[in-house]
Amino acid sequence: MKTFKKRLSQTLLTGTLIFTTAGSVDAQNSLNNDKQITISQQTQDAFSLSNLISLGINAALIAAALLTVIFLIVGGVQCLTAKGNTSGYENGRSRIISALIGLAVVAAAYAILTIIGTLFS
């Protein structure tokens, strides 16, 4: 349970860093607007806050999926190489369960963000 809480806090910290970075980029863009720099509309749209947030969410989902696959493989190898050792088998089993719970949490967060985005767009 402690490792799950640690992983969850690391995931939340990563999300906070992504949103903080997006906010500082938006502040930087508002400072550059005073210089009357003309940028094409397509380039401005690429650096909009909503696009940066969407990019951050997609990157977090890809990272979560990759980490889930890695933890599933490691847990499976632990279970297979336990050779009758119940503690090794239980460690692998708990790693697999934790990976699946983490993936479920990320999927639920993505669903909530999608619903909120639909409601406010």
Protein backbone atom coordinates (compact mmCIF):
# COMPACT_ATOMS: atom_id res chain seq x y z
CA MET A 1 0.00 0.00 0.00
CA LYS A 2 2.91 2.34 0.73
CA THR A 3 4.35 1.84 -2.75
CA PHE A 4 0.95 2.56 -4.28
CA LYS A 5 0.69 5.82 -2.34
CA LYS A 6 4.24 6.69 -3.38
CA ARG A 7 3.48 5.99 -7.05
CA LEU A 8 0.25 7.96 -6.84
CA SER A 9 2.02 10.95 -5.30
CA GLN A 10 4.72 10.78 -8.00
CA THR A 11 2.03 10.72 -10.69
CA LEU A 12 0.28 13.71 -9.15
CA LEU A 13 3.58 15.56 -8.85
CA THR A 14 4.32 14.91 -12.52
CA GLY A 15 0.88 16.22 -13.49
CA THR A 16 1.42 19.32 -11.35
CA LEU A 17 4.76 19.96 -13.03
CA ILE A 18 3.17 19.61 -16.47
CA PHE A 19 0.39 22.09 -15.63
CA THR A 20 2.86 24.50 -13.98
CA THR A 21 5.10 24.42 -17.05
CA ALA A 22 2.10 25.05 -19.31
CA GLY A 23 1.14 28.06 -17.19
CA SER A 24 4.64 29.55 -17.36
CA VAL A 25 4.70 29.09 -21.13
CA ASP A 26 1.36 30.91 -21.36
CA ALA A 27 2.74 33.74 -19.21
CA GLN A 28 5.79 33.94 -21.49
CA ASN A 29 3.53 34.19 -24.54
CA SER A 30 1.55 37.03 -22.96
CA LEU A 31 4.81 38.94 -22.34
CA ASN A 32 5.82 38.50 -25.98
CA ASN A 33 2.50 39.96 -27.17
CA ASP A 34 3.64 43.42 -26.05
CA LYS A 35 6.43 43.35 -28.66
CA GLN A 36 3.92 43.14 -31.54
CA ILE A 37 5.46 39.98 -32.98
CA THR A 38 3.30 38.60 -35.75
CA ILE A 39 3.00 34.86 -35.81
CA SER A 40 0.75 32.90 -38.10
CA GLN A 41 -2.56 31.78 -36.63
CA GLN A 42 -1.57 28.13 -37.00
CA THR A 43 1.58 28.63 -34.93
CA GLN A 44 -0.34 30.52 -32.25
CA ASP A 45 -2.88 27.71 -32.05
CA ALA A 46 -0.08 25.18 -31.62
CA PHE A 47 1.13 27.01 -28.48
CA SER A 48 -2.27 27.61 -26.92
CA LEU A 49 -2.81 26.55 -23.32
CA SER A 50 -5.44 23.97 -24.21
CA ASN A 51 -3.12 22.31 -26.73
CA LEU A 52 -0.28 22.21 -24.22
CA ILE A 53 -2.54 20.67 -21.58
CA SER A 54 -3.81 18.13 -24.09
CA LEU A 55 -0.24 17.28 -25.05
CA GLY A 56 0.72 16.88 -21.39
CA ILE A 57 -2.24 14.60 -20.69
CA ASN A 58 -1.49 12.46 -23.72
CA ALA A 59 2.18 12.19 -22.71
CA ALA A 60 1.16 11.18 -19.18
CA LEU A 61 -1.19 8.51 -20.55
CA ILE A 62 1.53 7.08 -22.77
CA ALA A 63 3.98 7.05 -19.87
CA ALA A 64 1.41 5.36 -17.62
CA ALA A 65 0.70 2.70 -20.24
CA LEU A 66 4.42 2.01 -20.72
CA LEU A 67 5.02 1.81 -16.97
CA THR A 68 2.05 -0.54 -16.61
CA VAL A 69 3.49 -2.87 -19.25
CA ILE A 70 6.91 -2.78 -17.59
CA PHE A 71 5.49 -3.52 -14.14
CA LEU A 72 3.31 -6.31 -15.54
CA ILE A 73 6.34 -7.93 -17.16
CA VAL A 74 8.47 -7.56 -14.03
CA GLY A 75 5.68 -8.96 -11.85
CA GLY A 76 5.15 -11.86 -14.21
CA VAL A 77 8.85 -12.68 -14.22
CA GLN A 78 8.87 -12.52 -10.42
CA CYS A 79 5.96 -14.97 -10.26
CA LEU A 80 7.56 -17.33 -12.77
CA THR A 81 10.97 -17.32 -11.13
CA ALA A 82 9.68 -17.75 -7.58
CA LYS A 83 10.33 -21.55 -7.83
CA GLY A 84 7.97 -22.41 -5.00
CA ASN A 85 8.99 -19.48 -2.82
CA THR A 86 5.69 -18.02 -1.64
CA SER A 87 7.12 -14.59 -0.76
CA GLY A 88 8.59 -14.18 -4.26
CA TYR A 89 5.30 -15.22 -5.81
CA GLU A 90 3.33 -12.84 -3.59
CA ASN A 91 5.70 -9.96 -4.41
CA GLY A 92 5.16 -10.54 -8.13
CA ARG A 93 1.42 -10.89 -7.67
CA SER A 94 1.19 -7.66 -5.68
CA ARG A 95 3.26 -5.86 -8.32
CA ILE A 96 0.86 -7.00 -11.03
CA ILE A 97 -2.18 -5.95 -9.00
CA SER A 98 -0.61 -2.56 -8.21
CA ALA A 99 0.13 -1.98 -11.90
CA LEU A 100 -3.45 -2.74 -12.87
CA ILE A 101 -4.84 -0.52 -10.09
CA GLY A 102 -2.55 2.30 -11.22
CA LEU A 103 -3.75 1.91 -14.79
CA ALA A 104 -7.37 2.00 -13.60
CA VAL A 105 -6.70 5.22 -11.65
CA VAL A 106 -5.10 6.85 -14.69
CA ALA A 107 -7.98 5.74 -16.92
CA ALA A 108 -10.52 7.13 -14.43
CA ALA A 109 -8.64 10.43 -14.26
CA TYR A 110 -8.59 10.63 -18.05
CA ALA A 111 -12.34 9.93 -18.18
CA ILE A 112 -13.02 12.66 -15.63
CA LEU A 113 -10.87 15.14 -17.55
CA THR A 114 -12.65 14.24 -20.79
CA ILE A 115 -16.05 14.80 -19.18
CA ILE A 116 -14.95 18.13 -17.70
CA GLY A 117 -13.49 19.18 -21.06
CA THR A 118 -16.73 18.31 -22.82
CA LEU A 119 -18.83 20.21 -20.30
CA PHE A 120 -16.75 23.40 -20.46
CA SER A 121 -15.92 23.51 -24.16
